[in-house]
Amino acid sequence: MLFHMSMSANDHRKVAAVIAELWNGKALPFPPVSDDGWIVLAGDDRGTAIEVYPAGTVLRERPGDADAYGEAGEVRAYTPTHAAIASPLDADAILAIAAREGWPAKYRKRGGAFGVIEMWIEGCQMIEVLAPEMQREYLATMTIAQWEAMLAAGPPARTATL
């Protein structure tokens, strides 16, 4: 089970606020790791959260008995790191939020099995947002037994790359 993850963004406060809106949660400052970090709390029974740091922030290990800390690093535009998050909002509301922010977003059916709204935060950081009906599809699909059956059937067809 995933409790939290972190990401970076150019306008990290705004990104935190939008994710909070998608969750009906709350975005708050997160000073334990970075003086300018933010945390989005879903307000669910698992304490689900996403930490959002200024673009370029990297986490470093501290020696001895001390917590990791964030420091400025190289700003990267794209990364394979992403998350799939559940939202209580319907697909139209999710797409409307993305449109309002000027972020590319579209409905996609992953492997023909479950739908997601593929939202590109600030045009370069993917987050998959699942409306309630998509969450049901995801939960029915993402089981060990279903995954093993898919692998046994052979590799899925891939779309062309750039």
N, C-alpha and C. Protein backbone atom coordinates (compact mmCIF):
# COMPACT_ATOMS: atom_id res chain seq x y z
N MET A 1 0.84 -1.17 0.00
CA MET A 1 0.00 0.00 0.00
C MET A 1 0.89 1.24 0.00
N LEU A 2 0.55 2.16 -0.82
CA LEU A 2 1.29 3.41 -0.90
C LEU A 2 0.67 4.41 0.06
N PHE A 3 1.49 4.98 0.93
CA PHE A 3 1.02 6.01 1.85
C PHE A 3 1.27 7.41 1.31
N HIS A 4 2.49 7.64 0.79
CA HIS A 4 2.75 8.94 0.20
C HIS A 4 3.84 8.83 -0.85
N MET A 5 3.96 9.87 -1.63
CA MET A 5 5.01 10.00 -2.63
C MET A 5 5.39 11.46 -2.70
N SER A 6 6.47 11.76 -3.40
CA SER A 6 6.85 13.15 -3.59
C SER A 6 7.08 13.43 -5.06
N MET A 7 6.99 14.70 -5.41
CA MET A 7 7.22 15.15 -6.77
C MET A 7 7.70 16.60 -6.70
N SER A 8 8.13 17.12 -7.82
CA SER A 8 8.51 18.53 -7.87
C SER A 8 7.72 19.22 -8.97
N ALA A 9 7.65 20.53 -8.87
CA ALA A 9 6.91 21.32 -9.86
C ALA A 9 7.46 22.74 -9.87
N ASN A 10 7.32 23.41 -11.00
CA ASN A 10 7.76 24.80 -11.09
C ASN A 10 6.95 25.69 -10.15
N ASP A 11 5.65 25.56 -10.20
CA ASP A 11 4.77 26.31 -9.30
C ASP A 11 4.21 25.31 -8.29
N HIS A 12 5.06 24.86 -7.40
CA HIS A 12 4.73 23.75 -6.50
C HIS A 12 3.55 24.05 -5.58
N ARG A 13 3.39 25.29 -5.17
CA ARG A 13 2.24 25.63 -4.32
C ARG A 13 0.93 25.47 -5.09
N LYS A 14 0.91 25.93 -6.32
CA LYS A 14 -0.29 25.80 -7.16
C LYS A 14 -0.59 24.34 -7.45
N VAL A 15 0.44 23.56 -7.78
CA VAL A 15 0.26 22.14 -8.06
C VAL A 15 -0.31 21.43 -6.82
N ALA A 16 0.22 21.76 -5.65
CA ALA A 16 -0.30 21.18 -4.41
C ALA A 16 -1.77 21.54 -4.23
N ALA A 17 -2.13 22.77 -4.51
CA ALA A 17 -3.53 23.21 -4.37
C ALA A 17 -4.45 22.47 -5.34
N VAL A 18 -3.99 22.24 -6.57
CA VAL A 18 -4.81 21.53 -7.55
C VAL A 18 -4.99 20.07 -7.14
N ILE A 19 -3.93 19.41 -6.69
CA ILE A 19 -4.06 18.02 -6.24
C ILE A 19 -5.02 17.96 -5.05
N ALA A 20 -4.93 18.92 -4.14
CA ALA A 20 -5.86 18.96 -3.00
C ALA A 20 -7.29 19.08 -3.51
N GLU A 21 -7.49 19.88 -4.54
CA GLU A 21 -8.83 20.02 -5.12
C GLU A 21 -9.31 18.71 -5.72
N LEU A 22 -8.44 17.99 -6.42
CA LEU A 22 -8.81 16.70 -7.01
C LEU A 22 -9.21 15.68 -5.94
N TRP A 23 -8.61 15.79 -4.77
CA TRP A 23 -8.88 14.87 -3.66
C TRP A 23 -9.95 15.36 -2.70
N ASN A 24 -10.38 16.60 -2.81
CA ASN A 24 -11.18 17.22 -1.74
C ASN A 24 -10.39 17.19 -0.44
N GLY A 25 -9.09 17.39 -0.56
CA GLY A 25 -8.19 17.35 0.59
C GLY A 25 -7.69 18.74 0.94
N LYS A 26 -6.46 18.82 1.44
CA LYS A 26 -5.91 20.11 1.85
C LYS A 26 -4.41 20.14 1.57
N ALA A 27 -3.92 21.28 1.07
CA ALA A 27 -2.49 21.51 0.84
C ALA A 27 -1.97 22.40 1.97
N LEU A 28 -0.86 21.98 2.56
CA LEU A 28 -0.27 22.70 3.69
C LEU A 28 1.25 22.77 3.53
N PRO A 29 1.89 23.76 4.15
CA PRO A 29 3.36 23.79 4.12
C PRO A 29 3.94 22.51 4.71
N PHE A 30 5.13 22.12 4.21
CA PHE A 30 5.80 20.89 4.67
C PHE A 30 7.26 21.20 4.97
N PRO A 31 7.53 21.87 6.09
CA PRO A 31 8.90 22.27 6.40
C PRO A 31 9.86 21.18 6.87
N PRO A 32 9.40 19.95 7.21
CA PRO A 32 10.39 18.99 7.71
C PRO A 32 11.53 18.67 6.75
N VAL A 33 11.25 18.71 5.43
CA VAL A 33 12.27 18.33 4.46
C VAL A 33 12.80 19.53 3.69
N SER A 34 11.96 20.52 3.43
CA SER A 34 12.34 21.67 2.61
C SER A 34 11.65 22.91 3.18
N ASP A 35 12.37 24.00 3.23
CA ASP A 35 11.77 25.25 3.73
C ASP A 35 10.59 25.70 2.88
N ASP A 36 10.54 25.25 1.62
CA ASP A 36 9.48 25.69 0.73
C ASP A 36 8.66 24.51 0.19
N GLY A 37 8.67 23.37 0.88
CA GLY A 37 7.89 22.22 0.45
C GLY A 37 6.44 22.33 0.88
N TRP A 38 5.58 21.63 0.16
CA TRP A 38 4.15 21.56 0.48
C TRP A 38 3.74 20.11 0.53
N ILE A 39 2.72 19.81 1.32
CA ILE A 39 2.18 18.46 1.39
C ILE A 39 0.68 18.54 1.14
N VAL A 40 0.18 17.60 0.35
CA VAL A 40 -1.25 17.49 0.10
C VAL A 40 -1.74 16.29 0.87
N LEU A 41 -2.70 16.50 1.73
CA LEU A 41 -3.30 15.42 2.52
C LEU A 41 -4.68 15.12 1.96
N ALA A 42 -4.89 13.84 1.63
CA ALA A 42 -6.18 13.44 1.06
C ALA A 42 -7.29 13.48 2.10
N GLY A 43 -6.94 13.33 3.37
CA GLY A 43 -7.95 13.29 4.41
C GLY A 43 -8.65 11.95 4.49
N ASP A 44 -8.00 10.89 3.95
CA ASP A 44 -8.60 9.56 4.00
C ASP A 44 -8.11 8.78 5.21
N ASP A 45 -8.57 7.54 5.34
CA ASP A 45 -8.23 6.74 6.51
C ASP A 45 -6.83 6.14 6.44
N ARG A 46 -6.11 6.33 5.34
CA ARG A 46 -4.74 5.82 5.20
C ARG A 46 -3.69 6.91 5.35
N GLY A 47 -4.10 8.15 5.47
CA GLY A 47 -3.13 9.24 5.55
C GLY A 47 -2.43 9.48 4.22
N THR A 48 -3.11 9.22 3.10
CA THR A 48 -2.51 9.37 1.78
C THR A 48 -2.06 10.81 1.57
N ALA A 49 -0.84 10.96 1.04
CA ALA A 49 -0.28 12.30 0.86
C ALA A 49 0.66 12.35 -0.32
N ILE A 50 0.81 13.55 -0.88
CA ILE A 50 1.82 13.82 -1.90
C ILE A 50 2.58 15.06 -1.45
N GLU A 51 3.90 14.92 -1.35
CA GLU A 51 4.77 16.05 -1.03
C GLU A 51 5.14 16.71 -2.36
N VAL A 52 5.05 18.04 -2.42
CA VAL A 52 5.36 18.76 -3.65
C VAL A 52 6.45 19.79 -3.34
N TYR A 53 7.59 19.63 -4.01
CA TYR A 53 8.76 20.48 -3.78
C TYR A 53 9.03 21.38 -4.97
N PRO A 54 9.76 22.47 -4.77
CA PRO A 54 10.15 23.31 -5.90
C PRO A 54 10.94 22.49 -6.93
N ALA A 55 10.73 22.79 -8.21
CA ALA A 55 11.45 22.10 -9.27
C ALA A 55 12.94 22.12 -8.99
N GLY A 56 13.57 20.99 -9.20
CA GLY A 56 15.01 20.87 -8.99
C GLY A 56 15.40 20.36 -7.62
N THR A 57 14.45 20.31 -6.69
CA THR A 57 14.78 19.82 -5.35
C THR A 57 15.18 18.35 -5.43
N VAL A 58 16.23 18.00 -4.73
CA VAL A 58 16.65 16.60 -4.61
C VAL A 58 16.69 16.26 -3.12
N LEU A 59 16.45 15.01 -2.82
CA LEU A 59 16.55 14.55 -1.44
C LEU A 59 17.93 13.98 -1.21
N ARG A 60 18.51 14.29 -0.07
CA ARG A 60 19.85 13.82 0.29
C ARG A 60 19.79 13.13 1.64
N GLU A 61 20.62 12.13 1.77
CA GLU A 61 20.76 11.44 3.05
C GLU A 61 21.67 12.27 3.94
N ARG A 62 21.30 12.35 5.21
CA ARG A 62 22.18 13.00 6.19
C ARG A 62 22.93 11.90 6.92
N PRO A 63 24.16 12.16 7.28
CA PRO A 63 24.93 11.14 8.01
C PRO A 63 24.38 10.93 9.42
N GLY A 64 24.64 9.77 9.95
CA GLY A 64 24.26 9.49 11.34
C GLY A 64 22.76 9.37 11.52
N ASP A 65 22.30 9.75 12.69
CA ASP A 65 20.91 9.61 13.08
C ASP A 65 20.15 10.91 12.78
N ALA A 66 19.99 11.22 11.49
CA ALA A 66 19.29 12.43 11.09
C ALA A 66 18.43 12.14 9.87
N ASP A 67 17.33 12.87 9.74
CA ASP A 67 16.41 12.68 8.61
C ASP A 67 17.01 13.24 7.32
N ALA A 68 16.52 12.69 6.19
CA ALA A 68 16.89 13.21 4.88
C ALA A 68 16.46 14.67 4.79
N TYR A 69 17.08 15.42 3.89
CA TYR A 69 16.73 16.81 3.70
C TYR A 69 16.69 17.13 2.21
N GLY A 70 16.00 18.20 1.86
CA GLY A 70 15.91 18.63 0.47
C GLY A 70 16.85 19.79 0.19
N GLU A 71 17.44 19.76 -0.99
CA GLU A 71 18.30 20.87 -1.42
C GLU A 71 18.09 21.10 -2.90
N ALA A 72 18.46 22.28 -3.36
CA ALA A 72 18.31 22.63 -4.77
C ALA A 72 19.21 21.76 -5.63
N GLY A 73 18.71 21.36 -6.77
CA GLY A 73 19.46 20.55 -7.72
C GLY A 73 19.09 20.99 -9.13
N GLU A 74 19.38 20.12 -10.09
CA GLU A 74 19.11 20.41 -11.49
C GLU A 74 17.62 20.28 -11.79
N VAL A 75 17.06 21.24 -12.50
CA VAL A 75 15.66 21.20 -12.89
C VAL A 75 15.53 20.30 -14.11
N ARG A 76 14.63 19.34 -14.03
CA ARG A 76 14.36 18.43 -15.15
C ARG A 76 12.92 18.63 -15.61
N ALA A 77 12.71 18.56 -16.90
CA ALA A 77 11.36 18.78 -17.43
C ALA A 77 10.50 17.53 -17.38
N TYR A 78 11.06 16.37 -17.69
CA TYR A 78 10.28 15.14 -17.75
C TYR A 78 10.92 14.09 -16.85
N THR A 79 10.10 13.18 -16.35
CA THR A 79 10.57 12.11 -15.49
C THR A 79 9.63 10.92 -15.64
N PRO A 80 10.12 9.69 -15.43
CA PRO A 80 9.21 8.56 -15.47
C PRO A 80 8.37 8.44 -14.18
N THR A 81 8.73 9.19 -13.17
CA THR A 81 8.01 9.11 -11.91
C THR A 81 6.61 9.69 -12.08
N HIS A 82 5.63 8.92 -11.71
CA HIS A 82 4.25 9.39 -11.77
C HIS A 82 3.43 8.63 -10.73
N ALA A 83 2.21 9.04 -10.56
CA ALA A 83 1.31 8.38 -9.62
C ALA A 83 -0.06 8.26 -10.25
N ALA A 84 -0.79 7.26 -9.83
CA ALA A 84 -2.21 7.15 -10.15
C ALA A 84 -2.94 7.46 -8.85
N ILE A 85 -3.79 8.47 -8.90
CA ILE A 85 -4.51 8.87 -7.70
C ILE A 85 -6.02 8.75 -7.90
N ALA A 86 -6.71 8.40 -6.85
CA ALA A 86 -8.17 8.34 -6.87
C ALA A 86 -8.72 9.72 -6.59
N SER A 87 -9.80 10.07 -7.26
CA SER A 87 -10.49 11.33 -7.00
C SER A 87 -11.98 11.03 -6.85
N PRO A 88 -12.66 11.73 -5.94
CA PRO A 88 -14.11 11.57 -5.85
C PRO A 88 -14.84 12.31 -6.97
N LEU A 89 -14.11 13.12 -7.75
CA LEU A 89 -14.72 13.90 -8.82
C LEU A 89 -14.97 13.03 -10.05
N ASP A 90 -15.96 13.40 -10.86
CA ASP A 90 -16.19 12.65 -12.09
C ASP A 90 -15.21 13.11 -13.17
N ALA A 91 -15.17 12.36 -14.26
CA ALA A 91 -14.19 12.63 -15.32
C ALA A 91 -14.32 14.05 -15.88
N ASP A 92 -15.55 14.53 -16.07
CA ASP A 92 -15.73 15.88 -16.61
C ASP A 92 -15.14 16.94 -15.68
N ALA A 93 -15.33 16.78 -14.39
CA ALA A 93 -14.78 17.74 -13.43
C ALA A 93 -13.26 17.71 -13.42
N ILE A 94 -12.69 16.52 -13.52
CA ILE A 94 -11.22 16.38 -13.55
C ILE A 94 -10.67 17.05 -14.80
N LEU A 95 -11.28 16.77 -15.95
CA LEU A 95 -10.83 17.39 -17.20
C LEU A 95 -11.01 18.90 -17.17
N ALA A 96 -12.06 19.39 -16.52
CA ALA A 96 -12.28 20.83 -16.41
C ALA A 96 -11.18 21.49 -15.58
N ILE A 97 -10.74 20.84 -14.52
CA ILE A 97 -9.65 21.39 -13.70
C ILE A 97 -8.37 21.48 -14.53
N ALA A 98 -8.06 20.41 -15.27
CA ALA A 98 -6.87 20.43 -16.11
C ALA A 98 -6.96 21.56 -17.15
N ALA A 99 -8.12 21.71 -17.77
CA ALA A 99 -8.30 22.76 -18.78
C ALA A 99 -8.13 24.14 -18.15
N ARG A 100 -8.69 24.33 -16.98
CA ARG A 100 -8.56 25.62 -16.29
C ARG A 100 -7.10 25.97 -16.03
N GLU A 101 -6.29 24.94 -15.69
CA GLU A 101 -4.88 25.16 -15.40
C GLU A 101 -4.02 25.23 -16.65
N GLY A 102 -4.60 24.87 -17.81
CA GLY A 102 -3.83 24.86 -19.05
C GLY A 102 -2.93 23.64 -19.17
N TRP A 103 -3.28 22.57 -18.45
CA TRP A 103 -2.48 21.34 -18.47
C TRP A 103 -3.11 20.34 -19.43
N PRO A 104 -2.33 19.73 -20.31
CA PRO A 104 -2.88 18.71 -21.19
C PRO A 104 -3.49 17.56 -20.37
N ALA A 105 -4.62 17.06 -20.81
CA ALA A 105 -5.27 15.94 -20.14
C ALA A 105 -6.17 15.23 -21.14
N LYS A 106 -6.23 13.92 -21.02
CA LYS A 106 -7.12 13.15 -21.88
C LYS A 106 -7.45 11.83 -21.20
N TYR A 107 -8.58 11.28 -21.60
CA TYR A 107 -8.98 9.96 -21.11
C TYR A 107 -8.20 8.91 -21.88
N ARG A 108 -7.68 7.93 -21.17
CA ARG A 108 -6.98 6.80 -21.78
C ARG A 108 -7.46 5.52 -21.13
N LYS A 109 -7.51 4.45 -21.90
CA LYS A 109 -7.86 3.13 -21.38
C LYS A 109 -6.55 2.34 -21.35
N ARG A 110 -6.00 2.12 -20.18
CA ARG A 110 -4.72 1.44 -20.01
C ARG A 110 -4.86 -0.06 -20.29
N GLY A 111 -4.18 -0.51 -21.35
CA GLY A 111 -4.18 -1.93 -21.70
C GLY A 111 -5.56 -2.48 -21.97
N GLY A 112 -6.50 -1.63 -22.30
CA GLY A 112 -7.87 -2.06 -22.53
C GLY A 112 -8.57 -2.49 -21.25
N ALA A 113 -7.95 -2.24 -20.10
CA ALA A 113 -8.48 -2.77 -18.84
C ALA A 113 -9.12 -1.73 -17.93
N PHE A 114 -8.49 -0.59 -17.77
CA PHE A 114 -9.04 0.43 -16.87
C PHE A 114 -8.74 1.81 -17.40
N GLY A 115 -9.65 2.72 -17.13
CA GLY A 115 -9.51 4.08 -17.61
C GLY A 115 -8.78 4.97 -16.63
N VAL A 116 -8.12 5.99 -17.16
CA VAL A 116 -7.47 7.03 -16.36
C VAL A 116 -7.62 8.35 -17.11
N ILE A 117 -7.54 9.43 -16.37
CA ILE A 117 -7.34 10.74 -16.98
C ILE A 117 -5.84 10.97 -16.89
N GLU A 118 -5.19 10.99 -18.04
CA GLU A 118 -3.75 11.24 -18.10
C GLU A 118 -3.57 12.75 -18.08
N MET A 119 -3.17 13.28 -16.93
CA MET A 119 -3.03 14.72 -16.75
C MET A 119 -1.54 15.05 -16.69
N TRP A 120 -1.13 16.07 -17.45
CA TRP A 120 0.27 16.47 -17.50
C TRP A 120 0.45 17.78 -16.73
N ILE A 121 0.81 17.66 -15.47
CA ILE A 121 1.00 18.81 -14.59
C ILE A 121 2.10 19.71 -15.16
N GLU A 122 1.76 20.96 -15.34
CA GLU A 122 2.67 21.95 -15.92
C GLU A 122 3.19 21.51 -17.29
N GLY A 123 2.47 20.59 -17.95
CA GLY A 123 2.84 20.14 -19.28
C GLY A 123 3.95 19.12 -19.33
N CYS A 124 4.47 18.66 -18.16
CA CYS A 124 5.62 17.75 -18.22
C CYS A 124 5.66 16.67 -17.13
N GLN A 125 4.78 16.70 -16.16
CA GLN A 125 4.79 15.69 -15.08
C GLN A 125 3.46 14.96 -15.11
N MET A 126 3.49 13.67 -15.49
CA MET A 126 2.24 12.93 -15.61
C MET A 126 1.72 12.48 -14.26
N ILE A 127 0.42 12.62 -14.11
CA ILE A 127 -0.30 12.03 -12.98
C ILE A 127 -1.57 11.43 -13.58
N GLU A 128 -1.88 10.22 -13.19
CA GLU A 128 -3.10 9.57 -13.66
C GLU A 128 -4.16 9.77 -12.58
N VAL A 129 -5.28 10.38 -12.98
CA VAL A 129 -6.35 10.65 -12.04
C VAL A 129 -7.51 9.72 -12.39
N LEU A 130 -7.97 8.98 -11.38
CA LEU A 130 -9.04 8.02 -11.59
C LEU A 130 -10.32 8.47 -10.90
N ALA A 131 -11.35 8.72 -11.72
CA ALA A 131 -12.68 9.01 -11.21
C ALA A 131 -13.25 7.72 -10.62
N PRO A 132 -14.33 7.80 -9.85
CA PRO A 132 -14.84 6.59 -9.17
C PRO A 132 -15.06 5.37 -10.06
N GLU A 133 -15.64 5.55 -11.25
CA GLU A 133 -15.86 4.39 -12.12
C GLU A 133 -14.54 3.79 -12.59
N MET A 134 -13.53 4.62 -12.80
CA MET A 134 -12.20 4.16 -13.20
C MET A 134 -11.53 3.41 -12.06
N GLN A 135 -11.77 3.83 -10.84
CA GLN A 135 -11.21 3.15 -9.66
C GLN A 135 -11.74 1.73 -9.57
N ARG A 136 -13.01 1.54 -9.87
CA ARG A 136 -13.59 0.18 -9.84
C ARG A 136 -12.91 -0.70 -10.88
N GLU A 137 -12.69 -0.16 -12.09
CA GLU A 137 -12.00 -0.92 -13.14
C GLU A 137 -10.58 -1.26 -12.70
N TYR A 138 -9.88 -0.29 -12.13
CA TYR A 138 -8.51 -0.49 -11.69
C TYR A 138 -8.43 -1.60 -10.64
N LEU A 139 -9.29 -1.53 -9.64
CA LEU A 139 -9.26 -2.52 -8.56
C LEU A 139 -9.60 -3.93 -9.06
N ALA A 140 -10.46 -4.02 -10.07
CA ALA A 140 -10.80 -5.33 -10.64
C ALA A 140 -9.66 -5.89 -11.49
N THR A 141 -8.82 -5.00 -12.02
CA THR A 141 -7.74 -5.40 -12.93
C THR A 141 -6.41 -5.63 -12.22
N MET A 142 -6.06 -4.77 -11.29
CA MET A 142 -4.72 -4.79 -10.71
C MET A 142 -4.64 -5.75 -9.51
N THR A 143 -4.78 -7.02 -9.85
CA THR A 143 -4.60 -8.08 -8.86
C THR A 143 -3.45 -8.96 -9.34
N ILE A 144 -2.87 -9.69 -8.46
CA ILE A 144 -1.78 -10.60 -8.85
C ILE A 144 -2.28 -11.60 -9.87
N ALA A 145 -3.44 -12.19 -9.63
CA ALA A 145 -3.98 -13.19 -10.56
C ALA A 145 -4.24 -12.59 -11.94
N GLN A 146 -4.83 -11.41 -12.00
CA GLN A 146 -5.09 -10.78 -13.29
C GLN A 146 -3.80 -10.44 -14.02
N TRP A 147 -2.79 -9.97 -13.28
CA TRP A 147 -1.51 -9.61 -13.90
C TRP A 147 -0.82 -10.85 -14.46
N GLU A 148 -0.82 -11.93 -13.69
CA GLU A 148 -0.21 -13.18 -14.17
C GLU A 148 -0.93 -13.70 -15.41
N ALA A 149 -2.26 -13.60 -15.45
CA ALA A 149 -3.01 -14.03 -16.62
C ALA A 149 -2.66 -13.19 -17.84
N MET A 150 -2.49 -11.88 -17.64
CA MET A 150 -2.12 -11.00 -18.74
C MET A 150 -0.73 -11.38 -19.28
N LEU A 151 0.21 -11.66 -18.38
CA LEU A 151 1.56 -12.04 -18.81
C LEU A 151 1.55 -13.37 -19.54
N ALA A 152 0.74 -14.30 -19.09
CA ALA A 152 0.64 -15.61 -19.72
C ALA A 152 0.07 -15.50 -21.13
N ALA A 153 -0.77 -14.50 -21.36
CA ALA A 153 -1.39 -14.30 -22.68
C ALA A 153 -0.40 -13.70 -23.68
N GLY A 154 0.76 -13.26 -23.21
CA GLY A 154 1.74 -12.66 -24.11
C GLY A 154 1.82 -11.16 -23.92
N PRO A 155 2.91 -10.59 -24.43
CA PRO A 155 3.09 -9.14 -24.23
C PRO A 155 1.99 -8.34 -24.95
N PRO A 156 1.57 -7.26 -24.30
CA PRO A 156 0.55 -6.41 -24.95
C PRO A 156 1.16 -5.66 -26.12
N ALA A 157 0.32 -5.28 -27.06
CA ALA A 157 0.77 -4.47 -28.19
C ALA A 157 1.17 -3.11 -27.69
N ARG A 158 2.26 -2.59 -28.20
CA ARG A 158 2.74 -1.25 -27.81
C ARG A 158 2.45 -0.27 -28.91
N THR A 159 2.21 0.96 -28.51
CA THR A 159 2.01 2.01 -29.50
C THR A 159 3.37 2.51 -29.95
N ALA A 160 3.42 3.09 -31.09
CA ALA A 160 4.70 3.60 -31.63
C ALA A 160 5.26 4.70 -30.72
N THR A 161 6.56 4.77 -30.65
CA THR A 161 7.22 5.83 -29.89
C THR A 161 7.64 6.93 -30.84
N LEU A 162 8.06 8.05 -30.27
CA LEU A 162 8.46 9.20 -31.07
C LEU A 162 9.58 8.88 -32.01
